[in-house]
Amino acid sequence: MSINKNAYLRYQVLDKCFCNKYKIYFIEDLLNEVNKSLEDFNGSGSKIEKRQLFDDIKFMESEAGWSIPLERIKEGKRVKYRYSEDNFSIKNQKISDEELDAINAALMVFMRFKGLPQFEWINELVPKLQSVFQQDETIEVISFDQNEFLVGLEHLPMLYKSIIKETVLAIEYQSFKDRNSKLLKVHPYYLKQFNKRWFLFGLNNTDKLLYNLPLDRIKSIKPDHMKFMKNSVINFKEYFEDIVGVSFQANSKPIKIRIHLDNEIAPYVLTKPLHGSQKKIESNDEGFVIQLEVIPNHELKQLLLSFGDGLEVVSPESYRDEISRTIKKMKMKYDNVC
């Protein structure tokens, strides 16, 4: 049963009127009560006509609504309305199985945020709902690939709020390559999760370049009173279309990369594409050839290497050589083991 907020308000007002033991309402009285509540909620001019009111009553009486036991008492040419059962109210109606299933499904999705800062209420909400609806403990039948112990997750709420409120941030940041941390003044624009890690994209106030900051390398964050510079250039939905992951160098262009997949791993790659541009070019007895049109970056290289000897970069030659050099370096490390 899908109900918008105005309809729900009307049903609540009608329910209150039908429950009133000390006053019986004519249709005009019901219309006045409903319109008064609508104007209080939405402002002047928010009213319904008598036809809508009759439709609301009809819905409340139907099985799709609450099957209310409504009594109509004639007084001359007019009709008064009230519940025929003294203790009836739509507030006392039990939730339907369909609605309960929808709530349980939603709770399962909410559980993916378990362990994240400011989502502790999820752990409290589940037993409360189970108690209210007198349900047995729900068996968890879905899980998400996440790392709730990742360093830096505590920064998410403040970063999200700062993006929405357009607040400049003073961020103490230390990359894996630097021995010491440095202070950055950043205009935050976007948060993205990749491979269980979170990244902040924002404009560095010093060099006016877009920075990509992993949250696990952020030491501290403080608001700065500097004037915020709005993002009027980058469409982040399009920004990530040409890459795998989150990183690439400025002014880089996509290239066409052809890859041969052995029969053993081909089904995994064909059913879970490496990138949105992936398309099958040809097939043979040994496997398939696919093509990606992407900007090469560290994440792409790591992804291709993760398939081991089941995947071979065919072209372009320059990228094939780059992958080959990485494999040779890996081999040397194993060859040098005593």
C-alpha atoms as a PDB file:
ATOM      1  CA  MET A   1       0.000   0.000   0.000  1.00  0.00           C
ATOM      2  CA  SER A   2       1.824   3.090  -1.284  1.00  0.00           C
ATOM      3  CA  ILE A   3       0.550   6.352   0.308  1.00  0.00           C
ATOM      4  CA  ASN A   4       1.929   9.853  -0.127  1.00  0.00           C
ATOM      5  CA  LYS A   5       2.274  12.176   2.845  1.00  0.00           C
ATOM      6  CA  ASN A   6      -0.838  14.315   2.076  1.00  0.00           C
ATOM      7  CA  ALA A   7      -3.044  11.249   1.636  1.00  0.00           C
ATOM      8  CA  TYR A   8      -1.695   9.743   4.852  1.00  0.00           C
ATOM      9  CA  LEU A   9      -2.493  12.997   6.693  1.00  0.00           C
ATOM     10  CA  ARG A  10      -6.061  12.961   5.355  1.00  0.00           C
ATOM     11  CA  TYR A  11      -6.572   9.348   6.469  1.00  0.00           C
ATOM     12  CA  GLN A  12      -5.272  10.174   9.947  1.00  0.00           C
ATOM     13  CA  VAL A  13      -7.672  13.124  10.280  1.00  0.00           C
ATOM     14  CA  LEU A  14     -10.636  11.068   9.090  1.00  0.00           C
ATOM     15  CA  ASP A  15      -9.695   8.261  11.463  1.00  0.00           C
ATOM     16  CA  LYS A  16      -9.628  10.717  14.365  1.00  0.00           C
ATOM     17  CA  CYS A  17     -13.049  12.055  13.428  1.00  0.00           C
ATOM     18  CA  PHE A  18     -14.600   8.595  13.019  1.00  0.00           C
ATOM     19  CA  CYS A  19     -13.206   7.614  16.464  1.00  0.00           C
ATOM     20  CA  ASN A  20     -14.717  10.626  18.253  1.00  0.00           C
ATOM     21  CA  LYS A  21     -17.391   9.307  20.642  1.00  0.00           C
ATOM     22  CA  TYR A  22     -18.664  12.762  21.573  1.00  0.00           C
ATOM     23  CA  LYS A  23     -19.202  14.218  18.126  1.00  0.00           C
ATOM     24  CA  ILE A  24     -20.566  12.789  14.879  1.00  0.00           C
ATOM     25  CA  TYR A  25     -19.425  14.477  11.698  1.00  0.00           C
ATOM     26  CA  PHE A  26     -21.356  15.369   8.533  1.00  0.00           C
ATOM     27  CA  ILE A  27     -19.404  15.267   5.272  1.00  0.00           C
ATOM     28  CA  GLU A  28     -18.980  19.065   5.395  1.00  0.00           C
ATOM     29  CA  ASP A  29     -17.493  18.785   8.894  1.00  0.00           C
ATOM     30  CA  LEU A  30     -15.070  16.109   7.731  1.00  0.00           C
ATOM     31  CA  LEU A  31     -14.018  18.251   4.770  1.00  0.00           C
ATOM     32  CA  ASN A  32     -13.396  21.242   7.043  1.00  0.00           C
ATOM     33  CA  GLU A  33     -11.275  19.172   9.459  1.00  0.00           C
ATOM     34  CA  VAL A  34      -9.212  17.668   6.632  1.00  0.00           C
ATOM     35  CA  ASN A  35      -8.608  20.993   4.874  1.00  0.00           C
ATOM     36  CA  LYS A  36      -7.685  22.680   8.148  1.00  0.00           C
ATOM     37  CA  SER A  37      -4.998  20.059   8.783  1.00  0.00           C
ATOM     38  CA  LEU A  38      -3.724  20.253   5.187  1.00  0.00           C
ATOM     39  CA  GLU A  39      -3.340  24.035   5.418  1.00  0.00           C
ATOM     40  CA  ASP A  40      -1.593  23.739   8.782  1.00  0.00           C
ATOM     41  CA  PHE A  41       0.816  21.240   7.260  1.00  0.00           C
ATOM     42  CA  ASN A  42       1.345  22.680   3.752  1.00  0.00           C
ATOM     43  CA  GLY A  43       0.297  26.311   4.053  1.00  0.00           C
ATOM     44  CA  SER A  44      -2.636  28.334   2.781  1.00  0.00           C
ATOM     45  CA  GLY A  45      -4.423  27.042  -0.319  1.00  0.00           C
ATOM     46  CA  SER A  46      -3.770  23.361   0.271  1.00  0.00           C
ATOM     47  CA  LYS A  47      -7.298  21.995   0.109  1.00  0.00           C
ATOM     48  CA  ILE A  48      -9.249  19.115  -1.395  1.00  0.00           C
ATOM     49  CA  GLU A  49     -12.769  18.965  -2.817  1.00  0.00           C
ATOM     50  CA  LYS A  50     -15.635  16.818  -1.596  1.00  0.00           C
ATOM     51  CA  ARG A  51     -15.073  14.311  -4.421  1.00  0.00           C
ATOM     52  CA  GLN A  52     -11.552  13.556  -3.154  1.00  0.00           C
ATOM     53  CA  LEU A  53     -12.926  13.127   0.351  1.00  0.00           C
ATOM     54  CA  PHE A  54     -15.411  10.494  -0.846  1.00  0.00           C
ATOM     55  CA  ASP A  55     -12.558   8.722  -2.658  1.00  0.00           C
ATOM     56  CA  ASP A  56     -10.519   8.736   0.560  1.00  0.00           C
ATOM     57  CA  ILE A  57     -13.381   7.201   2.549  1.00  0.00           C
ATOM     58  CA  LYS A  58     -13.913   4.586  -0.156  1.00  0.00           C
ATOM     59  CA  PHE A  59     -10.215   3.666  -0.028  1.00  0.00           C
ATOM     60  CA  MET A  60     -10.238   3.391   3.775  1.00  0.00           C
ATOM     61  CA  GLU A  61     -13.211   1.004   3.541  1.00  0.00           C
ATOM     62  CA  SER A  62     -11.541  -1.171   0.924  1.00  0.00           C
ATOM     63  CA  GLU A  63      -9.231  -4.150   1.507  1.00  0.00           C
ATOM     64  CA  ALA A  64      -6.447  -2.130  -0.093  1.00  0.00           C
ATOM     65  CA  GLY A  65      -6.902   0.333   2.780  1.00  0.00           C
ATOM     66  CA  TRP A  66      -7.937  -0.726   6.281  1.00  0.00           C
ATOM     67  CA  SER A  67     -11.426  -2.213   5.749  1.00  0.00           C
ATOM     68  CA  ILE A  68     -12.801   0.305   8.254  1.00  0.00           C
ATOM     69  CA  PRO A  69     -16.253  -0.481   9.795  1.00  0.00           C
ATOM     70  CA  LEU A  70     -17.850   2.848   8.886  1.00  0.00           C
ATOM     71  CA  GLU A  71     -21.420   3.600   9.962  1.00  0.00           C
ATOM     72  CA  ARG A  72     -23.582   6.095   8.067  1.00  0.00           C
ATOM     73  CA  ILE A  73     -26.386   7.689  10.104  1.00  0.00           C
ATOM     74  CA  LYS A  74     -29.037   9.541   8.127  1.00  0.00           C
ATOM     75  CA  GLU A  75     -30.432  12.759   9.578  1.00  0.00           C
ATOM     76  CA  GLY A  76     -32.927  14.129   7.129  1.00  0.00           C
ATOM     77  CA  LYS A  77     -31.135  14.528   3.808  1.00  0.00           C
ATOM     78  CA  ARG A  78     -27.739  14.601   5.460  1.00  0.00           C
ATOM     79  CA  VAL A  79     -25.472  11.749   6.607  1.00  0.00           C
ATOM     80  CA  LYS A  80     -23.287  11.490   9.706  1.00  0.00           C
ATOM     81  CA  TYR A  81     -20.180   9.285   9.816  1.00  0.00           C
ATOM     82  CA  ARG A  82     -18.598   7.286  12.638  1.00  0.00           C
ATOM     83  CA  TYR A  83     -17.055   3.877  13.356  1.00  0.00           C
ATOM     84  CA  SER A  84     -19.555   1.150  14.246  1.00  0.00           C
ATOM     85  CA  GLU A  85     -16.917  -0.463  16.503  1.00  0.00           C
ATOM     86  CA  ASP A  86     -16.031   1.603  19.574  1.00  0.00           C
ATOM     87  CA  ASN A  87     -12.324   0.757  19.782  1.00  0.00           C
ATOM     88  CA  PHE A  88     -11.524   0.638  16.092  1.00  0.00           C
ATOM     89  CA  SER A  89      -8.760   2.825  14.663  1.00  0.00           C
ATOM     90  CA  ILE A  90      -6.440   2.433  11.698  1.00  0.00           C
ATOM     91  CA  LYS A  91      -3.604   3.040  14.177  1.00  0.00           C
ATOM     92  CA  ASN A  92      -4.457  -0.284  15.820  1.00  0.00           C
ATOM     93  CA  GLN A  93      -4.291  -2.252  12.568  1.00  0.00           C
ATOM     94  CA  LYS A  94      -1.524  -4.825  12.303  1.00  0.00           C
ATOM     95  CA  ILE A  95       1.016  -4.369   9.591  1.00  0.00           C
ATOM     96  CA  SER A  96       0.418  -6.609   6.572  1.00  0.00           C
ATOM     97  CA  ASP A  97       2.729  -9.453   5.582  1.00  0.00           C
ATOM     98  CA  GLU A  98       3.550  -7.603   2.364  1.00  0.00           C
ATOM     99  CA  GLU A  99       4.512  -4.444   4.272  1.00  0.00           C
ATOM    100  CA  LEU A 100       6.535  -6.473   6.776  1.00  0.00           C
ATOM    101  CA  ASP A 101       8.447  -8.172   3.961  1.00  0.00           C
ATOM    102  CA  ALA A 102       9.233  -4.759   2.462  1.00  0.00           C
ATOM    103  CA  ILE A 103      10.502  -3.504   5.842  1.00  0.00           C
ATOM    104  CA  ASN A 104      12.689  -6.575   6.333  1.00  0.00           C
ATOM    105  CA  ALA A 105      14.145  -6.178   2.841  1.00  0.00           C
ATOM    106  CA  ALA A 106      14.922  -2.519   3.536  1.00  0.00           C
ATOM    107  CA  LEU A 107      16.561  -3.396   6.858  1.00  0.00           C
ATOM    108  CA  MET A 108      18.819  -5.904   5.130  1.00  0.00           C
ATOM    109  CA  VAL A 109      20.039  -3.144   2.820  1.00  0.00           C
ATOM    110  CA  PHE A 110      20.522  -0.775   5.767  1.00  0.00           C
ATOM    111  CA  MET A 111      22.725  -3.390   7.422  1.00  0.00           C
ATOM    112  CA  ARG A 112      25.429  -2.774   4.819  1.00  0.00           C
ATOM    113  CA  PHE A 113      26.138   0.450   6.727  1.00  0.00           C
ATOM    114  CA  LYS A 114      26.636  -1.435   9.983  1.00  0.00           C
ATOM    115  CA  GLY A 115      29.792  -0.247  11.716  1.00  0.00           C
ATOM    116  CA  LEU A 116      30.023   3.063   9.856  1.00  0.00           C
ATOM    117  CA  PRO A 117      30.104   6.269  11.936  1.00  0.00           C
ATOM    118  CA  GLN A 118      26.678   7.747  12.743  1.00  0.00           C
ATOM    119  CA  PHE A 119      24.900   4.570  11.626  1.00  0.00           C
ATOM    120  CA  GLU A 120      24.826   3.008  15.098  1.00  0.00           C
ATOM    121  CA  TRP A 121      21.058   3.582  15.136  1.00  0.00           C
ATOM    122  CA  ILE A 122      20.668   0.662  12.725  1.00  0.00           C
ATOM    123  CA  ASN A 123      21.721  -1.790  15.440  1.00  0.00           C
ATOM    124  CA  GLU A 124      19.114  -0.270  17.774  1.00  0.00           C
ATOM    125  CA  LEU A 125      16.345  -0.038  15.170  1.00  0.00           C
ATOM    126  CA  VAL A 126      16.215  -3.719  14.192  1.00  0.00           C
ATOM    127  CA  PRO A 127      15.272  -5.173  17.627  1.00  0.00           C
ATOM    128  CA  LYS A 128      12.811  -2.322  18.221  1.00  0.00           C
ATOM    129  CA  LEU A 129      10.959  -3.071  14.987  1.00  0.00           C
ATOM    130  CA  GLN A 130      11.012  -6.781  15.711  1.00  0.00           C
ATOM    131  CA  SER A 131       9.507  -6.073  19.131  1.00  0.00           C
ATOM    132  CA  VAL A 132       6.783  -3.772  17.768  1.00  0.00           C
ATOM    133  CA  PHE A 133       5.753  -6.209  15.044  1.00  0.00           C
ATOM    134  CA  GLN A 134       6.271  -9.237  17.323  1.00  0.00           C
ATOM    135  CA  GLN A 135       8.526 -10.911  14.816  1.00  0.00           C
ATOM    136  CA  ASP A 136      11.210 -13.489  15.406  1.00  0.00           C
ATOM    137  CA  GLU A 137      14.777 -12.380  14.840  1.00  0.00           C
ATOM    138  CA  THR A 138      15.365 -11.963  11.125  1.00  0.00           C
ATOM    139  CA  ILE A 139      17.944 -14.300   9.649  1.00  0.00           C
ATOM    140  CA  GLU A 140      20.512 -12.345   7.645  1.00  0.00           C
ATOM    141  CA  VAL A 141      20.470 -13.699   4.092  1.00  0.00           C
ATOM    142  CA  ILE A 142      22.413 -10.976   2.290  1.00  0.00           C
ATOM    143  CA  SER A 143      25.826  -9.429   2.888  1.00  0.00           C
ATOM    144  CA  PHE A 144      27.950  -6.774   1.202  1.00  0.00           C
ATOM    145  CA  ASP A 145      31.661  -6.668   0.508  1.00  0.00           C
ATOM    146  CA  GLN A 146      32.895  -3.982   2.878  1.00  0.00           C
ATOM    147  CA  ASN A 147      35.557  -3.296   5.478  1.00  0.00           C
ATOM    148  CA  GLU A 148      33.993  -1.756   8.568  1.00  0.00           C
ATOM    149  CA  PHE A 149      37.425  -1.571  10.258  1.00  0.00           C
ATOM    150  CA  LEU A 150      38.981   0.606   7.528  1.00  0.00           C
ATOM    151  CA  VAL A 151      41.005   3.517   8.889  1.00  0.00           C
ATOM    152  CA  GLY A 152      39.425   6.893   8.093  1.00  0.00           C
ATOM    153  CA  LEU A 153      35.759   5.909   8.106  1.00  0.00           C
ATOM    154  CA  GLU A 154      35.224   8.282  11.019  1.00  0.00           C
ATOM    155  CA  HIS A 155      35.796  11.192   8.599  1.00  0.00           C
ATOM    156  CA  LEU A 156      32.890  10.276   6.317  1.00  0.00           C
ATOM    157  CA  PRO A 157      30.099  12.178   8.151  1.00  0.00           C
ATOM    158  CA  MET A 158      32.039  15.443   8.307  1.00  0.00           C
ATOM    159  CA  LEU A 159      33.221  15.181   4.701  1.00  0.00           C
ATOM    160  CA  TYR A 160      29.715  14.477   3.468  1.00  0.00           C
ATOM    161  CA  LYS A 161      28.288  17.384   5.447  1.00  0.00           C
ATOM    162  CA  SER A 162      31.048  19.724   4.240  1.00  0.00           C
ATOM    163  CA  ILE A 163      30.319  18.884   0.606  1.00  0.00           C
ATOM    164  CA  ILE A 164      26.601  19.541   1.079  1.00  0.00           C
ATOM    165  CA  LYS A 165      27.187  22.739   3.090  1.00  0.00           C
ATOM    166  CA  GLU A 166      30.025  23.892   0.766  1.00  0.00           C
ATOM    167  CA  THR A 167      32.595  24.279   3.532  1.00  0.00           C
ATOM    168  CA  VAL A 168      36.343  24.542   2.886  1.00  0.00           C
ATOM    169  CA  LEU A 169      38.412  22.080   4.926  1.00  0.00           C
ATOM    170  CA  ALA A 170      41.874  22.208   6.452  1.00  0.00           C
ATOM    171  CA  ILE A 171      43.087  18.624   6.030  1.00  0.00           C
ATOM    172  CA  GLU A 172      46.204  17.132   7.565  1.00  0.00           C
ATOM    173  CA  TYR A 173      47.259  14.540   5.010  1.00  0.00           C
ATOM    174  CA  GLN A 174      50.123  12.074   4.760  1.00  0.00           C
ATOM    175  CA  SER A 175      50.607   9.911   1.671  1.00  0.00           C
ATOM    176  CA  PHE A 176      52.306   6.526   1.838  1.00  0.00           C
ATOM    177  CA  LYS A 177      55.363   8.060   0.150  1.00  0.00           C
ATOM    178  CA  ASP A 178      55.824  10.984   2.566  1.00  0.00           C
ATOM    179  CA  ARG A 179      57.477  10.717   5.972  1.00  0.00           C
ATOM    180  CA  ASN A 180      55.681  13.774   7.305  1.00  0.00           C
ATOM    181  CA  SER A 181      52.133  15.012   6.985  1.00  0.00           C
ATOM    182  CA  LYS A 182      51.190  18.270   5.257  1.00  0.00           C
ATOM    183  CA  LEU A 183      48.302  20.704   5.604  1.00  0.00           C
ATOM    184  CA  LEU A 184      45.994  21.119   2.625  1.00  0.00           C
ATOM    185  CA  LYS A 185      43.185  23.635   2.174  1.00  0.00           C
ATOM    186  CA  VAL A 186      40.608  21.709   0.159  1.00  0.00           C
ATOM    187  CA  HIS A 187      37.276  22.612  -1.415  1.00  0.00           C
ATOM    188  CA  PRO A 188      35.495  19.209  -1.123  1.00  0.00           C
ATOM    189  CA  TYR A 189      33.374  18.093  -4.087  1.00  0.00           C
ATOM    190  CA  TYR A 190      32.828  14.343  -4.157  1.00  0.00           C
ATOM    191  CA  LEU A 191      33.163  11.075  -2.228  1.00  0.00           C
ATOM    192  CA  LYS A 192      33.701   7.741  -3.976  1.00  0.00           C
ATOM    193  CA  GLN A 193      34.205   4.189  -2.752  1.00  0.00           C
ATOM    194  CA  PHE A 194      36.395   1.767  -4.683  1.00  0.00           C
ATOM    195  CA  ASN A 195      37.794  -1.607  -3.643  1.00  0.00           C
ATOM    196  CA  LYS A 196      36.494  -1.104  -0.069  1.00  0.00           C
ATOM    197  CA  ARG A 197      38.358   2.230   0.296  1.00  0.00           C
ATOM    198  CA  TRP A 198      36.870   5.739   0.339  1.00  0.00           C
ATOM    199  CA  PHE A 199      38.304   8.696  -1.566  1.00  0.00           C
ATOM    200  CA  LEU A 200      37.681  12.438  -1.351  1.00  0.00           C
ATOM    201  CA  PHE A 201      37.878  14.522  -4.514  1.00  0.00           C
ATOM    202  CA  GLY A 202      38.389  18.231  -4.011  1.00  0.00           C
ATOM    203  CA  LEU A 203      40.144  21.342  -5.263  1.00  0.00           C
ATOM    204  CA  ASN A 204      43.477  22.158  -3.629  1.00  0.00           C
ATOM    205  CA  ASN A 205      43.333  25.864  -2.821  1.00  0.00           C
ATOM    206  CA  THR A 206      47.078  26.326  -3.451  1.00  0.00           C
ATOM    207  CA  ASP A 207      47.565  25.000  -6.980  1.00  0.00           C
ATOM    208  CA  LYS A 208      43.871  24.899  -7.982  1.00  0.00           C
ATOM    209  CA  LEU A 209      44.187  21.271  -9.069  1.00  0.00           C
ATOM    210  CA  LEU A 210      41.764  18.452  -8.352  1.00  0.00           C
ATOM    211  CA  TYR A 211      43.133  16.151  -5.655  1.00  0.00           C
ATOM    212  CA  ASN A 212      42.180  12.558  -4.890  1.00  0.00           C
ATOM    213  CA  LEU A 213      42.683  11.876  -1.172  1.00  0.00           C
ATOM    214  CA  PRO A 214      42.210   8.388   0.328  1.00  0.00           C
ATOM    215  CA  LEU A 215      40.425   8.755   3.656  1.00  0.00           C
ATOM    216  CA  ASP A 216      42.811   6.313   5.351  1.00  0.00           C
ATOM    217  CA  ARG A 217      45.668   8.794   4.795  1.00  0.00           C
ATOM    218  CA  ILE A 218      43.821  11.743   6.374  1.00  0.00           C
ATOM    219  CA  LYS A 219      45.084  12.504   9.885  1.00  0.00           C
ATOM    220  CA  SER A 220      42.668  15.264  10.854  1.00  0.00           C
ATOM    221  CA  ILE A 221      40.015  17.601   9.437  1.00  0.00           C
ATOM    222  CA  LYS A 222      38.934  21.069  10.515  1.00  0.00           C
ATOM    223  CA  PRO A 223      36.523  23.553   8.907  1.00  0.00           C
ATOM    224  CA  ASP A 224      38.144  26.613   7.360  1.00  0.00           C
ATOM    225  CA  HIS A 225      36.439  29.998   6.975  1.00  0.00           C
ATOM    226  CA  MET A 226      37.833  30.555   3.490  1.00  0.00           C
ATOM    227  CA  LYS A 227      35.256  31.281   0.753  1.00  0.00           C
ATOM    228  CA  PHE A 228      34.172  28.077  -0.975  1.00  0.00           C
ATOM    229  CA  MET A 229      34.925  27.662  -4.679  1.00  0.00           C
ATOM    230  CA  LYS A 230      32.058  25.801  -6.330  1.00  0.00           C
ATOM    231  CA  ASN A 231      32.636  22.993  -8.797  1.00  0.00           C
ATOM    232  CA  SER A 232      31.452  24.332 -12.140  1.00  0.00           C
ATOM    233  CA  VAL A 233      33.689  22.216 -14.404  1.00  0.00           C
ATOM    234  CA  ILE A 234      33.670  18.521 -13.473  1.00  0.00           C
ATOM    235  CA  ASN A 235      30.724  16.195 -13.919  1.00  0.00           C
ATOM    236  CA  PHE A 236      31.770  13.366 -11.624  1.00  0.00           C
ATOM    237  CA  LYS A 237      29.376  10.907 -13.224  1.00  0.00           C
ATOM    238  CA  GLU A 238      31.284  11.335 -16.477  1.00  0.00           C
ATOM    239  CA  TYR A 239      34.644  11.778 -14.734  1.00  0.00           C
ATOM    240  CA  PHE A 240      34.928   8.075 -13.891  1.00  0.00           C
ATOM    241  CA  GLU A 241      33.541   6.695 -17.161  1.00  0.00           C
ATOM    242  CA  ASP A 242      36.945   6.281 -18.836  1.00  0.00           C
ATOM    243  CA  ILE A 243      38.815   4.633 -15.955  1.00  0.00           C
ATOM    244  CA  VAL A 244      38.821   1.630 -13.679  1.00  0.00           C
ATOM    245  CA  GLY A 245      38.984   2.840 -10.093  1.00  0.00           C
ATOM    246  CA  VAL A 246      39.646   6.444  -9.103  1.00  0.00           C
ATOM    247  CA  SER A 247      42.999   7.662 -10.449  1.00  0.00           C
ATOM    248  CA  PHE A 248      44.411   9.020 -13.695  1.00  0.00           C
ATOM    249  CA  GLN A 249      46.738  11.777 -14.791  1.00  0.00           C
ATOM    250  CA  ALA A 250      45.406  15.059 -16.135  1.00  0.00           C
ATOM    251  CA  ASN A 251      44.869  15.308 -19.908  1.00  0.00           C
ATOM    252  CA  SER A 252      45.113  11.521 -20.354  1.00  0.00           C
ATOM    253  CA  LYS A 253      43.059  10.038 -23.175  1.00  0.00           C
ATOM    254  CA  PRO A 254      41.408   6.614 -23.436  1.00  0.00           C
ATOM    255  CA  ILE A 255      43.131   3.953 -25.517  1.00  0.00           C
ATOM    256  CA  LYS A 256      41.792   0.737 -27.026  1.00  0.00           C
ATOM    257  CA  ILE A 257      43.210  -2.317 -25.263  1.00  0.00           C
ATOM    258  CA  ARG A 258      42.671  -5.812 -26.660  1.00  0.00           C
ATOM    259  CA  ILE A 259      42.830  -8.697 -24.224  1.00  0.00           C
ATOM    260  CA  HIS A 260      42.780 -12.459 -24.755  1.00  0.00           C
ATOM    261  CA  LEU A 261      40.923 -14.505 -22.141  1.00  0.00           C
ATOM    262  CA  ASP A 262      41.510 -18.221 -21.631  1.00  0.00           C
ATOM    263  CA  ASN A 263      38.409 -20.416 -21.653  1.00  0.00           C
ATOM    264  CA  GLU A 264      38.782 -20.975 -17.918  1.00  0.00           C
ATOM    265  CA  ILE A 265      38.381 -17.337 -16.886  1.00  0.00           C
ATOM    266  CA  ALA A 266      36.381 -16.031 -19.865  1.00  0.00           C
ATOM    267  CA  PRO A 267      32.949 -16.718 -18.275  1.00  0.00           C
ATOM    268  CA  TYR A 268      33.887 -14.651 -15.197  1.00  0.00           C
ATOM    269  CA  VAL A 269      34.996 -11.648 -17.263  1.00  0.00           C
ATOM    270  CA  LEU A 270      32.131 -11.882 -19.752  1.00  0.00           C
ATOM    271  CA  THR A 271      29.513 -11.936 -16.985  1.00  0.00           C
ATOM    272  CA  LYS A 272      31.294  -9.316 -14.857  1.00  0.00           C
ATOM    273  CA  PRO A 273      32.879  -6.841 -17.317  1.00  0.00           C
ATOM    274  CA  LEU A 274      36.199  -5.242 -16.426  1.00  0.00           C
ATOM    275  CA  HIS A 275      34.862  -1.865 -17.591  1.00  0.00           C
ATOM    276  CA  GLY A 276      31.705  -0.395 -19.094  1.00  0.00           C
ATOM    277  CA  SER A 277      33.378  -0.145 -22.514  1.00  0.00           C
ATOM    278  CA  GLN A 278      34.113  -3.879 -22.676  1.00  0.00           C
ATOM    279  CA  LYS A 279      32.980  -5.681 -25.824  1.00  0.00           C
ATOM    280  CA  LYS A 280      33.719  -9.097 -27.280  1.00  0.00           C
ATOM    281  CA  ILE A 281      35.714  -8.933 -30.506  1.00  0.00           C
ATOM    282  CA  GLU A 282      36.271 -12.567 -31.464  1.00  0.00           C
ATOM    283  CA  SER A 283      36.468 -16.113 -30.135  1.00  0.00           C
ATOM    284  CA  ASN A 284      38.569 -19.187 -30.885  1.00  0.00           C
ATOM    285  CA  ASP A 285      39.223 -22.629 -29.455  1.00  0.00           C
ATOM    286  CA  GLU A 286      41.478 -21.184 -26.752  1.00  0.00           C
ATOM    287  CA  GLY A 287      39.166 -18.429 -25.532  1.00  0.00           C
ATOM    288  CA  PHE A 288      37.903 -14.960 -26.345  1.00  0.00           C
ATOM    289  CA  VAL A 289      39.300 -11.575 -27.314  1.00  0.00           C
ATOM    290  CA  ILE A 290      37.713  -8.513 -25.702  1.00  0.00           C
ATOM    291  CA  GLN A 291      38.384  -4.803 -26.098  1.00  0.00           C
ATOM    292  CA  LEU A 292      38.384  -2.031 -23.507  1.00  0.00           C
ATOM    293  CA  GLU A 293      38.520   1.682 -24.244  1.00  0.00           C
ATOM    294  CA  VAL A 294      39.995   3.140 -21.061  1.00  0.00           C
ATOM    295  CA  ILE A 295      42.650   5.404 -19.622  1.00  0.00           C
ATOM    296  CA  PRO A 296      45.408   3.122 -18.262  1.00  0.00           C
ATOM    297  CA  ASN A 297      46.049   3.549 -14.552  1.00  0.00           C
ATOM    298  CA  HIS A 298      47.329   1.655 -11.525  1.00  0.00           C
ATOM    299  CA  GLU A 299      43.940   0.130 -10.757  1.00  0.00           C
ATOM    300  CA  LEU A 300      43.549  -1.279 -14.267  1.00  0.00           C
ATOM    301  CA  LYS A 301      47.001  -2.859 -14.161  1.00  0.00           C
ATOM    302  CA  GLN A 302      46.278  -4.468 -10.775  1.00  0.00           C
ATOM    303  CA  LEU A 303      42.967  -5.790 -12.081  1.00  0.00           C
ATOM    304  CA  LEU A 304      44.515  -7.357 -15.190  1.00  0.00           C
ATOM    305  CA  LEU A 305      47.361  -8.936 -13.215  1.00  0.00           C
ATOM    306  CA  SER A 306      44.873 -10.442 -10.757  1.00  0.00           C
ATOM    307  CA  PHE A 307      43.781 -12.935 -13.444  1.00  0.00           C
ATOM    308  CA  GLY A 308      47.262 -14.441 -13.624  1.00  0.00           C
ATOM    309  CA  ASP A 309      48.107 -16.478 -16.727  1.00  0.00           C
ATOM    310  CA  GLY A 310      44.441 -16.662 -17.742  1.00  0.00           C
ATOM    311  CA  LEU A 311      44.631 -13.206 -19.302  1.00  0.00           C
ATOM    312  CA  GLU A 312      46.986 -11.736 -21.911  1.00  0.00           C
ATOM    313  CA  VAL A 313      47.168  -8.139 -23.136  1.00  0.00           C
ATOM    314  CA  VAL A 314      47.388  -8.342 -26.936  1.00  0.00           C
ATOM    315  CA  SER A 315      47.554  -4.673 -27.941  1.00  0.00           C
ATOM    316  CA  PRO A 316      48.590  -1.897 -28.076  1.00  0.00           C
ATOM    317  CA  GLU A 317      52.217  -2.970 -27.976  1.00  0.00           C
ATOM    318  CA  SER A 318      53.216  -0.157 -25.618  1.00  0.00           C
ATOM    319  CA  TYR A 319      50.734  -1.276 -22.958  1.00  0.00           C
ATOM    320  CA  ARG A 320      51.536  -4.956 -23.534  1.00  0.00           C
ATOM    321  CA  ASP A 321      55.205  -4.115 -22.898  1.00  0.00           C
ATOM    322  CA  GLU A 322      54.301  -2.245 -19.703  1.00  0.00           C
ATOM    323  CA  ILE A 323      52.424  -5.268 -18.344  1.00  0.00           C
ATOM    324  CA  SER A 324      55.265  -7.549 -19.484  1.00  0.00           C
ATOM    325  CA  ARG A 325      57.853  -5.474 -17.586  1.00  0.00           C
ATOM    326  CA  THR A 326      55.790  -5.687 -14.408  1.00  0.00           C
ATOM    327  CA  ILE A 327      55.493  -9.471 -14.753  1.00  0.00           C
ATOM    328  CA  LYS A 328      59.247  -9.798 -15.308  1.00  0.00           C
ATOM    329  CA  LYS A 329      59.935  -7.797 -12.140  1.00  0.00           C
ATOM    330  CA  MET A 330      57.607 -10.093 -10.234  1.00  0.00           C
ATOM    331  CA  LYS A 331      59.357 -13.155 -11.639  1.00  0.00           C
ATOM    332  CA  MET A 332      62.777 -11.821 -10.650  1.00  0.00           C
ATOM    333  CA  LYS A 333      61.665 -11.555  -7.037  1.00  0.00           C
ATOM    334  CA  TYR A 334      60.627 -15.194  -6.999  1.00  0.00           C
ATOM    335  CA  ASP A 335      63.768 -16.265  -8.896  1.00  0.00           C
ATOM    336  CA  ASN A 336      65.947 -14.607  -6.238  1.00  0.00           C
ATOM    337  CA  VAL A 337      64.379 -16.568  -3.391  1.00  0.00           C
ATOM    338  CA  CYS A 338      66.964 -18.946  -1.867  1.00  0.00           C
END
